[in-house]
Amino acid sequence: MYVDSTQNRVGDDLDFANTVSWHDSSEKSQELLTSYEKLVNWSLHANILTKQQSLSLLKKAENQPSKAEEVLQQAIELREAIFQIFSLVSNDETPASKDLSIFNEALANAYGMMRIVPGENKFSLEFLNGEERLDGMLPPIVQSAIDILTSEKELSRVKKCEGYPCGWLFFDTSRNRSRRWCSMADCGNRAKAKRFYHNKK
């Protein structure tokens, strides 16, 4: 079975990078991908996997628990590399060679699971065997990151939330590129309340 890359939302890699709460704090950070099942469920929610593929992978994971755990750790390592790369790029800094090496290794593995197929008016990139390999959700994540990293327009919109220690990445779609927080209702309000408190003092 094929997994069509066009079904995935641009920015899935940023959502994936945000699967840690309070990413910038070693004390407060909370890992959201605490099991292979959580990884599969996130992939389903992100439209990377279909319901059928998710059920198939979870069934396979029951029979291969050590391999499933290995894929989970691989996914977390990739997630951290993506987070570090985009965090530095958003600050006009050069990513570390270690993170680029991890990402490039994932890229090499991902391209082994991709194929160009003809459509009605164009060709499309599709991912093979999404429900047959326990790591079938990783290639679409890698491709989504590649799409942004190789697009000057998209890359310039990537920002990191200023609400320490949030650390979440987001796309700034505001007209004048002035957005500072991942969410005005969360980190934005917290920053405003903190500023109001200090001004009152």
N, C-alpha and C. Protein backbone atom coordinates (compact mmCIF):
# COMPACT_ATOMS: atom_id res chain seq x y z
N MET A 1 0.85 -1.20 0.00
CA MET A 1 0.00 0.00 0.00
C MET A 1 0.88 1.24 0.00
N TYR A 2 0.40 2.29 -0.64
CA TYR A 2 1.10 3.56 -0.68
C TYR A 2 0.54 4.52 0.36
N VAL A 3 1.41 5.38 0.85
CA VAL A 3 0.98 6.51 1.67
C VAL A 3 1.31 7.75 0.88
N ASP A 4 0.30 8.46 0.42
CA ASP A 4 0.50 9.63 -0.42
C ASP A 4 1.03 10.79 0.41
N SER A 5 2.18 11.33 0.00
CA SER A 5 2.79 12.42 0.76
C SER A 5 1.93 13.68 0.74
N THR A 6 1.05 13.82 -0.25
CA THR A 6 0.26 15.04 -0.34
C THR A 6 -0.82 15.10 0.73
N GLN A 7 -1.09 13.98 1.43
CA GLN A 7 -2.12 14.02 2.46
C GLN A 7 -1.60 14.68 3.73
N ASN A 8 -0.29 14.84 3.85
CA ASN A 8 0.29 15.38 5.07
C ASN A 8 0.32 16.90 5.03
N ARG A 9 0.04 17.50 6.16
CA ARG A 9 0.03 18.95 6.24
C ARG A 9 1.44 19.49 6.25
N VAL A 10 1.66 20.61 5.53
CA VAL A 10 2.93 21.30 5.64
C VAL A 10 3.08 21.75 7.09
N GLY A 11 4.20 21.42 7.69
CA GLY A 11 4.41 21.82 9.08
C GLY A 11 4.24 20.68 10.05
N ASP A 12 3.98 19.45 9.56
CA ASP A 12 3.90 18.32 10.46
C ASP A 12 5.19 18.17 11.26
N ASP A 13 6.32 18.53 10.63
CA ASP A 13 7.59 18.40 11.33
C ASP A 13 7.67 19.36 12.51
N LEU A 14 7.06 20.54 12.41
CA LEU A 14 7.05 21.47 13.54
C LEU A 14 6.14 20.93 14.64
N ASP A 15 5.01 20.35 14.26
CA ASP A 15 4.14 19.72 15.26
C ASP A 15 4.88 18.59 15.94
N PHE A 16 5.63 17.84 15.16
CA PHE A 16 6.40 16.72 15.70
C PHE A 16 7.46 17.22 16.67
N ALA A 17 8.11 18.32 16.32
CA ALA A 17 9.12 18.90 17.20
C ALA A 17 8.52 19.37 18.51
N ASN A 18 7.22 19.63 18.50
CA ASN A 18 6.53 20.13 19.69
C ASN A 18 5.90 19.03 20.54
N THR A 19 6.35 17.81 20.36
CA THR A 19 5.82 16.71 21.17
C THR A 19 6.52 16.61 22.52
N VAL A 20 7.02 17.73 22.99
CA VAL A 20 7.57 17.87 24.34
C VAL A 20 7.02 19.17 24.92
N SER A 21 6.45 19.11 26.08
CA SER A 21 5.98 20.33 26.74
C SER A 21 7.14 20.99 27.47
N TRP A 22 7.21 22.33 27.43
CA TRP A 22 8.29 23.09 28.06
C TRP A 22 9.66 22.57 27.59
N HIS A 23 9.82 22.58 26.27
CA HIS A 23 11.00 21.98 25.66
C HIS A 23 12.31 22.62 26.08
N ASP A 24 12.28 23.88 26.46
CA ASP A 24 13.51 24.59 26.79
C ASP A 24 13.93 24.43 28.25
N SER A 25 13.19 23.64 29.02
CA SER A 25 13.53 23.45 30.43
C SER A 25 13.80 21.98 30.72
N SER A 26 15.00 21.67 31.20
CA SER A 26 15.32 20.28 31.53
C SER A 26 14.56 19.81 32.76
N GLU A 27 14.12 20.75 33.60
CA GLU A 27 13.40 20.40 34.83
C GLU A 27 11.90 20.25 34.58
N LYS A 28 11.32 21.13 33.76
CA LYS A 28 9.88 21.13 33.55
C LYS A 28 9.42 20.32 32.34
N SER A 29 10.35 20.01 31.43
CA SER A 29 9.96 19.37 30.17
C SER A 29 9.23 18.06 30.41
N GLN A 30 8.21 17.81 29.60
CA GLN A 30 7.41 16.59 29.69
C GLN A 30 7.34 15.93 28.33
N GLU A 31 7.84 14.71 28.26
CA GLU A 31 7.83 13.93 27.03
C GLU A 31 6.42 13.43 26.74
N LEU A 32 5.94 13.71 25.53
CA LEU A 32 4.60 13.27 25.14
C LEU A 32 4.63 11.93 24.41
N LEU A 33 5.75 11.60 23.81
CA LEU A 33 5.89 10.32 23.11
C LEU A 33 6.48 9.29 24.08
N THR A 34 5.68 8.86 25.02
CA THR A 34 6.16 7.96 26.07
C THR A 34 6.04 6.48 25.71
N SER A 35 5.49 6.19 24.55
CA SER A 35 5.36 4.79 24.12
C SER A 35 5.22 4.76 22.60
N TYR A 36 5.43 3.57 22.04
CA TYR A 36 5.25 3.43 20.59
C TYR A 36 3.80 3.70 20.22
N GLU A 37 2.88 3.31 21.07
CA GLU A 37 1.46 3.57 20.81
C GLU A 37 1.19 5.06 20.72
N LYS A 38 1.83 5.86 21.58
CA LYS A 38 1.65 7.32 21.53
C LYS A 38 2.20 7.87 20.22
N LEU A 39 3.31 7.31 19.75
CA LEU A 39 3.89 7.74 18.47
C LEU A 39 2.94 7.45 17.32
N VAL A 40 2.35 6.25 17.32
CA VAL A 40 1.39 5.88 16.28
C VAL A 40 0.15 6.77 16.34
N ASN A 41 -0.35 7.00 17.55
CA ASN A 41 -1.54 7.84 17.71
C ASN A 41 -1.28 9.27 17.25
N TRP A 42 -0.10 9.79 17.55
CA TRP A 42 0.25 11.14 17.06
C TRP A 42 0.27 11.15 15.53
N SER A 43 0.85 10.11 14.93
CA SER A 43 0.94 10.02 13.47
C SER A 43 -0.44 9.93 12.83
N LEU A 44 -1.35 9.25 13.51
CA LEU A 44 -2.73 9.17 13.02
C LEU A 44 -3.38 10.55 13.09
N HIS A 45 -3.21 11.23 14.20
CA HIS A 45 -3.78 12.56 14.39
C HIS A 45 -3.22 13.56 13.38
N ALA A 46 -1.95 13.37 12.99
CA ALA A 46 -1.28 14.28 12.05
C ALA A 46 -1.55 13.89 10.60
N ASN A 47 -2.42 12.90 10.38
CA ASN A 47 -2.76 12.44 9.02
C ASN A 47 -1.59 11.82 8.28
N ILE A 48 -0.62 11.32 9.02
CA ILE A 48 0.51 10.63 8.41
C ILE A 48 0.15 9.16 8.17
N LEU A 49 -0.61 8.60 9.10
CA LEU A 49 -1.09 7.23 8.98
C LEU A 49 -2.61 7.21 8.92
N THR A 50 -3.14 6.20 8.24
CA THR A 50 -4.58 6.00 8.26
C THR A 50 -4.93 5.15 9.48
N LYS A 51 -6.21 5.07 9.77
CA LYS A 51 -6.66 4.25 10.89
C LYS A 51 -6.25 2.80 10.70
N GLN A 52 -6.42 2.30 9.50
CA GLN A 52 -6.06 0.92 9.20
C GLN A 52 -4.57 0.67 9.39
N GLN A 53 -3.75 1.61 8.91
CA GLN A 53 -2.31 1.48 9.07
C GLN A 53 -1.90 1.53 10.54
N SER A 54 -2.55 2.40 11.31
CA SER A 54 -2.26 2.52 12.73
C SER A 54 -2.53 1.22 13.46
N LEU A 55 -3.69 0.62 13.20
CA LEU A 55 -4.06 -0.64 13.84
C LEU A 55 -3.09 -1.75 13.45
N SER A 56 -2.68 -1.75 12.18
CA SER A 56 -1.74 -2.76 11.71
C SER A 56 -0.39 -2.63 12.40
N LEU A 57 0.08 -1.39 12.55
CA LEU A 57 1.38 -1.16 13.20
C LEU A 57 1.33 -1.52 14.68
N LEU A 58 0.24 -1.19 15.35
CA LEU A 58 0.12 -1.52 16.77
C LEU A 58 0.08 -3.03 16.98
N LYS A 59 -0.54 -3.74 16.06
CA LYS A 59 -0.57 -5.20 16.14
C LYS A 59 0.82 -5.78 15.95
N LYS A 60 1.56 -5.23 14.98
CA LYS A 60 2.93 -5.67 14.75
C LYS A 60 3.82 -5.35 15.95
N ALA A 61 3.57 -4.20 16.58
CA ALA A 61 4.38 -3.79 17.73
C ALA A 61 4.20 -4.75 18.91
N GLU A 62 3.00 -5.32 19.03
CA GLU A 62 2.75 -6.30 20.10
C GLU A 62 3.64 -7.53 19.93
N ASN A 63 3.90 -7.88 18.69
CA ASN A 63 4.73 -9.06 18.39
C ASN A 63 6.21 -8.73 18.33
N GLN A 64 6.53 -7.43 18.24
CA GLN A 64 7.94 -7.02 18.16
C GLN A 64 8.19 -5.85 19.12
N PRO A 65 8.00 -6.06 20.42
CA PRO A 65 8.11 -4.95 21.38
C PRO A 65 9.49 -4.29 21.41
N SER A 66 10.55 -5.08 21.27
CA SER A 66 11.89 -4.49 21.31
C SER A 66 12.14 -3.62 20.09
N LYS A 67 11.64 -4.06 18.93
CA LYS A 67 11.80 -3.28 17.70
C LYS A 67 10.96 -2.00 17.79
N ALA A 68 9.76 -2.11 18.36
CA ALA A 68 8.90 -0.94 18.52
C ALA A 68 9.57 0.09 19.42
N GLU A 69 10.21 -0.38 20.48
CA GLU A 69 10.91 0.53 21.39
C GLU A 69 12.10 1.18 20.69
N GLU A 70 12.77 0.42 19.84
CA GLU A 70 13.89 0.96 19.07
C GLU A 70 13.43 2.06 18.13
N VAL A 71 12.28 1.85 17.48
CA VAL A 71 11.72 2.86 16.57
C VAL A 71 11.31 4.11 17.35
N LEU A 72 10.75 3.91 18.54
CA LEU A 72 10.36 5.05 19.38
C LEU A 72 11.58 5.90 19.72
N GLN A 73 12.67 5.27 20.12
CA GLN A 73 13.89 6.01 20.46
C GLN A 73 14.47 6.69 19.22
N GLN A 74 14.36 6.04 18.08
CA GLN A 74 14.80 6.62 16.81
C GLN A 74 13.98 7.86 16.48
N ALA A 75 12.68 7.78 16.72
CA ALA A 75 11.78 8.91 16.45
C ALA A 75 12.10 10.08 17.37
N ILE A 76 12.37 9.79 18.64
CA ILE A 76 12.69 10.85 19.60
C ILE A 76 14.02 11.52 19.23
N GLU A 77 14.99 10.72 18.81
CA GLU A 77 16.28 11.28 18.38
C GLU A 77 16.10 12.19 17.16
N LEU A 78 15.26 11.73 16.21
CA LEU A 78 14.96 12.55 15.04
C LEU A 78 14.23 13.81 15.45
N ARG A 79 13.28 13.69 16.36
CA ARG A 79 12.52 14.84 16.84
C ARG A 79 13.44 15.89 17.45
N GLU A 80 14.37 15.45 18.27
CA GLU A 80 15.29 16.39 18.90
C GLU A 80 16.20 17.06 17.87
N ALA A 81 16.63 16.32 16.86
CA ALA A 81 17.48 16.90 15.81
C ALA A 81 16.70 17.96 15.05
N ILE A 82 15.44 17.65 14.70
CA ILE A 82 14.59 18.61 14.00
C ILE A 82 14.37 19.85 14.86
N PHE A 83 14.11 19.64 16.14
CA PHE A 83 13.88 20.77 17.05
C PHE A 83 15.11 21.67 17.12
N GLN A 84 16.28 21.08 17.28
CA GLN A 84 17.51 21.87 17.39
C GLN A 84 17.81 22.60 16.08
N ILE A 85 17.61 21.93 14.96
CA ILE A 85 17.89 22.55 13.65
C ILE A 85 17.01 23.77 13.45
N PHE A 86 15.70 23.61 13.65
CA PHE A 86 14.79 24.73 13.41
C PHE A 86 14.92 25.82 14.48
N SER A 87 15.26 25.43 15.70
CA SER A 87 15.46 26.42 16.76
C SER A 87 16.60 27.36 16.40
N LEU A 88 17.71 26.80 15.92
CA LEU A 88 18.86 27.62 15.56
C LEU A 88 18.60 28.42 14.29
N VAL A 89 17.98 27.78 13.32
CA VAL A 89 17.67 28.47 12.06
C VAL A 89 16.75 29.67 12.32
N SER A 90 15.79 29.51 13.23
CA SER A 90 14.86 30.61 13.54
C SER A 90 15.58 31.79 14.16
N ASN A 91 16.78 31.54 14.69
CA ASN A 91 17.58 32.60 15.31
C ASN A 91 18.77 32.99 14.43
N ASP A 92 18.68 32.61 13.15
CA ASP A 92 19.74 32.91 12.17
C ASP A 92 21.08 32.32 12.56
N GLU A 93 21.05 31.15 13.19
CA GLU A 93 22.27 30.46 13.56
C GLU A 93 22.40 29.16 12.76
N THR A 94 23.61 28.65 12.67
CA THR A 94 23.88 27.43 11.92
C THR A 94 23.66 26.20 12.79
N PRO A 95 22.87 25.24 12.32
CA PRO A 95 22.63 24.02 13.10
C PRO A 95 23.91 23.25 13.37
N ALA A 96 23.92 22.50 14.46
CA ALA A 96 25.08 21.70 14.82
C ALA A 96 25.25 20.54 13.85
N SER A 97 26.49 20.17 13.58
CA SER A 97 26.77 19.08 12.64
C SER A 97 26.18 17.76 13.13
N LYS A 98 26.11 17.56 14.45
CA LYS A 98 25.55 16.33 15.01
C LYS A 98 24.08 16.20 14.63
N ASP A 99 23.32 17.28 14.78
CA ASP A 99 21.90 17.24 14.46
C ASP A 99 21.67 17.06 12.96
N LEU A 100 22.49 17.72 12.14
CA LEU A 100 22.39 17.56 10.69
C LEU A 100 22.71 16.12 10.29
N SER A 101 23.68 15.52 10.97
CA SER A 101 24.06 14.14 10.69
C SER A 101 22.92 13.18 11.00
N ILE A 102 22.25 13.39 12.14
CA ILE A 102 21.10 12.56 12.51
C ILE A 102 19.98 12.71 11.49
N PHE A 103 19.72 13.95 11.09
CA PHE A 103 18.66 14.21 10.13
C PHE A 103 19.00 13.61 8.76
N ASN A 104 20.24 13.75 8.33
CA ASN A 104 20.63 13.23 7.03
C ASN A 104 20.59 11.71 6.99
N GLU A 105 20.88 11.08 8.10
CA GLU A 105 20.77 9.62 8.17
C GLU A 105 19.30 9.20 8.04
N ALA A 106 18.42 9.94 8.71
CA ALA A 106 16.98 9.67 8.59
C ALA A 106 16.50 9.93 7.17
N LEU A 107 17.06 10.96 6.54
CA LEU A 107 16.72 11.28 5.16
C LEU A 107 17.10 10.13 4.23
N ALA A 108 18.30 9.58 4.41
CA ALA A 108 18.75 8.46 3.56
C ALA A 108 17.82 7.26 3.72
N ASN A 109 17.41 6.99 4.96
CA ASN A 109 16.49 5.86 5.20
C ASN A 109 15.12 6.15 4.59
N ALA A 110 14.68 7.41 4.69
CA ALA A 110 13.35 7.78 4.20
C ALA A 110 13.26 7.63 2.68
N TYR A 111 14.30 8.06 1.97
CA TYR A 111 14.24 7.99 0.51
C TYR A 111 14.22 6.55 0.00
N GLY A 112 14.64 5.61 0.84
CA GLY A 112 14.54 4.21 0.46
C GLY A 112 13.12 3.71 0.50
N MET A 113 12.21 4.50 1.10
CA MET A 113 10.79 4.13 1.21
C MET A 113 9.90 5.05 0.39
N MET A 114 10.49 5.74 -0.59
CA MET A 114 9.72 6.66 -1.41
C MET A 114 9.74 6.24 -2.87
N ARG A 115 8.71 6.64 -3.60
CA ARG A 115 8.62 6.34 -5.01
C ARG A 115 7.84 7.45 -5.72
N ILE A 116 8.31 7.79 -6.92
CA ILE A 116 7.59 8.75 -7.77
C ILE A 116 6.59 7.96 -8.61
N VAL A 117 5.33 8.37 -8.56
CA VAL A 117 4.29 7.67 -9.34
C VAL A 117 3.53 8.70 -10.19
N PRO A 118 3.12 8.30 -11.39
CA PRO A 118 2.40 9.23 -12.27
C PRO A 118 0.96 9.43 -11.84
N GLY A 119 0.48 10.66 -12.00
CA GLY A 119 -0.91 10.98 -11.75
C GLY A 119 -1.56 11.45 -13.03
N GLU A 120 -2.71 12.11 -12.92
CA GLU A 120 -3.43 12.55 -14.11
C GLU A 120 -2.68 13.66 -14.84
N ASN A 121 -2.22 14.67 -14.10
CA ASN A 121 -1.53 15.79 -14.74
C ASN A 121 -0.13 16.03 -14.19
N LYS A 122 0.26 15.24 -13.21
CA LYS A 122 1.59 15.43 -12.61
C LYS A 122 2.03 14.15 -11.93
N PHE A 123 3.29 14.15 -11.51
CA PHE A 123 3.81 13.05 -10.73
C PHE A 123 3.73 13.41 -9.25
N SER A 124 3.65 12.41 -8.41
CA SER A 124 3.61 12.67 -6.97
C SER A 124 4.56 11.74 -6.24
N LEU A 125 4.97 12.17 -5.08
CA LEU A 125 5.86 11.38 -4.23
C LEU A 125 5.02 10.60 -3.25
N GLU A 126 5.22 9.30 -3.17
CA GLU A 126 4.45 8.47 -2.26
C GLU A 126 5.38 7.61 -1.43
N PHE A 127 4.92 7.28 -0.25
CA PHE A 127 5.70 6.47 0.68
C PHE A 127 5.16 5.05 0.67
N LEU A 128 6.06 4.10 0.64
CA LEU A 128 5.68 2.70 0.54
C LEU A 128 5.50 2.05 1.90
N ASN A 129 4.59 1.10 1.95
CA ASN A 129 4.47 0.19 3.10
C ASN A 129 4.31 0.89 4.43
N GLY A 130 3.41 1.87 4.49
CA GLY A 130 3.19 2.61 5.72
C GLY A 130 2.72 1.75 6.87
N GLU A 131 2.04 0.63 6.56
CA GLU A 131 1.52 -0.22 7.62
C GLU A 131 2.35 -1.48 7.81
N GLU A 132 3.41 -1.64 7.02
CA GLU A 132 4.21 -2.86 7.08
C GLU A 132 5.50 -2.69 7.88
N ARG A 133 5.99 -1.46 8.01
CA ARG A 133 7.22 -1.20 8.76
C ARG A 133 6.89 -0.39 9.99
N LEU A 134 7.49 -0.77 11.10
CA LEU A 134 7.20 -0.08 12.35
C LEU A 134 7.64 1.38 12.32
N ASP A 135 8.60 1.70 11.45
CA ASP A 135 9.07 3.09 11.33
C ASP A 135 8.44 3.80 10.13
N GLY A 136 7.29 3.29 9.66
CA GLY A 136 6.66 3.83 8.47
C GLY A 136 6.18 5.26 8.58
N MET A 137 6.06 5.78 9.81
CA MET A 137 5.61 7.17 9.97
C MET A 137 6.76 8.17 9.87
N LEU A 138 7.99 7.72 9.91
CA LEU A 138 9.12 8.65 9.94
C LEU A 138 9.43 9.31 8.58
N PRO A 139 9.39 8.57 7.46
CA PRO A 139 9.69 9.24 6.18
C PRO A 139 8.82 10.45 5.87
N PRO A 140 7.49 10.42 6.09
CA PRO A 140 6.71 11.63 5.84
C PRO A 140 7.12 12.81 6.72
N ILE A 141 7.54 12.52 7.95
CA ILE A 141 8.00 13.57 8.85
C ILE A 141 9.27 14.20 8.30
N VAL A 142 10.19 13.35 7.85
CA VAL A 142 11.44 13.83 7.26
C VAL A 142 11.16 14.66 6.02
N GLN A 143 10.27 14.18 5.16
CA GLN A 143 9.95 14.91 3.93
C GLN A 143 9.35 16.27 4.22
N SER A 144 8.51 16.34 5.24
CA SER A 144 7.89 17.61 5.61
C SER A 144 8.96 18.61 6.06
N ALA A 145 9.93 18.12 6.81
CA ALA A 145 11.03 18.99 7.25
C ALA A 145 11.86 19.45 6.07
N ILE A 146 12.11 18.55 5.12
CA ILE A 146 12.87 18.89 3.93
C ILE A 146 12.15 19.99 3.13
N ASP A 147 10.84 19.85 2.99
CA ASP A 147 10.06 20.83 2.23
C ASP A 147 10.25 22.24 2.78
N ILE A 148 10.33 22.35 4.12
CA ILE A 148 10.48 23.67 4.73
C ILE A 148 11.93 24.15 4.67
N LEU A 149 12.86 23.25 4.96
CA LEU A 149 14.27 23.62 4.96
C LEU A 149 14.75 24.08 3.59
N THR A 150 14.16 23.54 2.53
CA THR A 150 14.59 23.89 1.18
C THR A 150 13.73 24.99 0.55
N SER A 151 12.83 25.57 1.33
CA SER A 151 12.02 26.68 0.85
C SER A 151 12.37 27.94 1.64
N GLU A 152 13.00 28.90 0.99
CA GLU A 152 13.40 30.13 1.67
C GLU A 152 12.19 30.84 2.28
N LYS A 153 11.08 30.84 1.55
CA LYS A 153 9.87 31.50 2.03
C LYS A 153 9.32 30.83 3.28
N GLU A 154 9.21 29.50 3.24
CA GLU A 154 8.68 28.78 4.39
C GLU A 154 9.63 28.86 5.58
N LEU A 155 10.92 28.71 5.32
CA LEU A 155 11.90 28.71 6.40
C LEU A 155 11.93 30.04 7.14
N SER A 156 11.73 31.13 6.41
CA SER A 156 11.75 32.45 7.04
C SER A 156 10.57 32.67 7.99
N ARG A 157 9.55 31.82 7.89
CA ARG A 157 8.37 31.96 8.74
C ARG A 157 8.49 31.18 10.05
N VAL A 158 9.51 30.33 10.16
CA VAL A 158 9.67 29.51 11.36
C VAL A 158 10.18 30.35 12.51
N LYS A 159 9.48 30.30 13.63
CA LYS A 159 9.90 31.02 14.83
C LYS A 159 9.80 30.11 16.06
N LYS A 160 10.47 30.54 17.10
CA LYS A 160 10.43 29.82 18.37
C LYS A 160 9.74 30.70 19.40
N CYS A 161 8.83 30.12 20.15
CA CYS A 161 8.07 30.87 21.14
C CYS A 161 9.00 31.55 22.14
N GLU A 162 8.74 32.83 22.40
CA GLU A 162 9.56 33.60 23.34
C GLU A 162 9.14 33.38 24.79
N GLY A 163 8.08 32.64 24.98
CA GLY A 163 7.60 32.40 26.35
C GLY A 163 8.38 31.31 27.05
N TYR A 164 9.55 31.65 27.57
CA TYR A 164 10.39 30.68 28.26
C TYR A 164 9.64 30.07 29.44
N PRO A 165 9.77 28.75 29.64
CA PRO A 165 10.59 27.79 28.91
C PRO A 165 9.79 26.98 27.90
N CYS A 166 8.83 27.58 27.23
CA CYS A 166 7.97 26.86 26.28
C CYS A 166 8.79 26.17 25.19
N GLY A 167 9.45 26.97 24.36
CA GLY A 167 10.31 26.40 23.34
C GLY A 167 9.60 25.86 22.11
N TRP A 168 8.28 25.97 22.03
CA TRP A 168 7.57 25.43 20.87
C TRP A 168 7.89 26.22 19.62
N LEU A 169 7.93 25.52 18.50
CA LEU A 169 8.15 26.14 17.20
C LEU A 169 6.82 26.40 16.53
N PHE A 170 6.76 27.43 15.71
CA PHE A 170 5.52 27.74 15.01
C PHE A 170 5.82 28.51 13.73
N PHE A 171 4.81 28.58 12.84
CA PHE A 171 4.91 29.38 11.63
C PHE A 171 4.29 30.75 11.89
N ASP A 172 5.05 31.79 11.63
CA ASP A 172 4.55 33.15 11.79
C ASP A 172 3.88 33.56 10.48
N THR A 173 2.56 33.54 10.50
CA THR A 173 1.78 33.91 9.31
C THR A 173 1.25 35.33 9.38
N SER A 174 1.67 36.07 10.42
CA SER A 174 1.21 37.45 10.54
C SER A 174 1.77 38.30 9.40
N ARG A 175 1.06 39.36 9.06
CA ARG A 175 1.42 40.17 7.90
C ARG A 175 2.81 40.78 8.04
N ASN A 176 3.15 41.27 9.22
CA ASN A 176 4.45 41.92 9.40
C ASN A 176 5.46 41.06 10.16
N ARG A 177 5.17 39.74 10.23
CA ARG A 177 6.09 38.79 10.89
C ARG A 177 6.41 39.22 12.33
N SER A 178 5.38 39.63 13.07
CA SER A 178 5.60 40.15 14.43
C SER A 178 5.15 39.20 15.53
N ARG A 179 4.67 38.04 15.17
CA ARG A 179 4.20 37.09 16.18
C ARG A 179 5.36 36.62 17.05
N ARG A 180 5.13 36.55 18.37
CA ARG A 180 6.20 36.21 19.30
C ARG A 180 5.96 34.93 20.08
N TRP A 181 4.70 34.51 20.17
CA TRP A 181 4.38 33.36 21.00
C TRP A 181 3.68 32.27 20.20
N CYS A 182 3.78 31.04 20.73
CA CYS A 182 3.11 29.92 20.07
C CYS A 182 1.60 30.11 20.10
N SER A 183 1.12 30.70 21.20
CA SER A 183 -0.31 30.96 21.35
C SER A 183 -0.52 32.19 22.21
N MET A 184 -1.32 33.12 21.72
CA MET A 184 -1.61 34.32 22.50
C MET A 184 -2.41 33.96 23.74
N ALA A 185 -3.25 32.93 23.63
CA ALA A 185 -4.09 32.53 24.76
C ALA A 185 -3.29 31.86 25.86
N ASP A 186 -2.11 31.37 25.54
CA ASP A 186 -1.29 30.66 26.54
C ASP A 186 -0.05 31.48 26.89
N CYS A 187 1.00 31.32 26.15
CA CYS A 187 2.26 32.02 26.45
C CYS A 187 2.13 33.53 26.31
N GLY A 188 1.33 33.99 25.35
CA GLY A 188 1.14 35.43 25.17
C GLY A 188 0.50 36.08 26.38
N ASN A 189 -0.57 35.50 26.88
CA ASN A 189 -1.24 36.03 28.06
C ASN A 189 -0.37 35.96 29.29
N ARG A 190 0.40 34.88 29.39
CA ARG A 190 1.30 34.73 30.53
C ARG A 190 2.35 35.83 30.53
N ALA A 191 2.89 36.14 29.34
CA ALA A 191 3.89 37.20 29.22
C ALA A 191 3.29 38.57 29.54
N LYS A 192 2.06 38.80 29.08
CA LYS A 192 1.39 40.08 29.35
C LYS A 192 1.10 40.24 30.84
N ALA A 193 0.69 39.15 31.48
CA ALA A 193 0.39 39.20 32.91
C ALA A 193 1.67 39.45 33.71
N LYS A 194 2.76 38.83 33.29
CA LYS A 194 4.04 39.02 33.96
C LYS A 194 4.52 40.46 33.81
N ARG A 195 4.36 41.01 32.59
CA ARG A 195 4.76 42.40 32.34
C ARG A 195 3.91 43.37 33.14
N PHE A 196 2.61 43.09 33.23
CA PHE A 196 1.70 43.94 34.00
C PHE A 196 2.08 43.93 35.49
N TYR A 197 2.44 42.75 35.99
CA TYR A 197 2.82 42.61 37.39
C TYR A 197 4.08 43.42 37.70
N HIS A 198 5.09 43.32 36.82
CA HIS A 198 6.33 44.05 37.04
C HIS A 198 6.14 45.56 36.92
N ASN A 199 5.29 45.97 35.97
CA ASN A 199 5.03 47.40 35.81
C ASN A 199 4.32 47.97 37.04
N LYS A 200 3.42 47.16 37.62
CA LYS A 200 2.70 47.60 38.79
C LYS A 200 3.59 47.73 40.00
N LYS A 201 4.58 46.82 40.09
CA LYS A 201 5.54 46.87 41.19
C LYS A 201 6.40 48.13 41.07
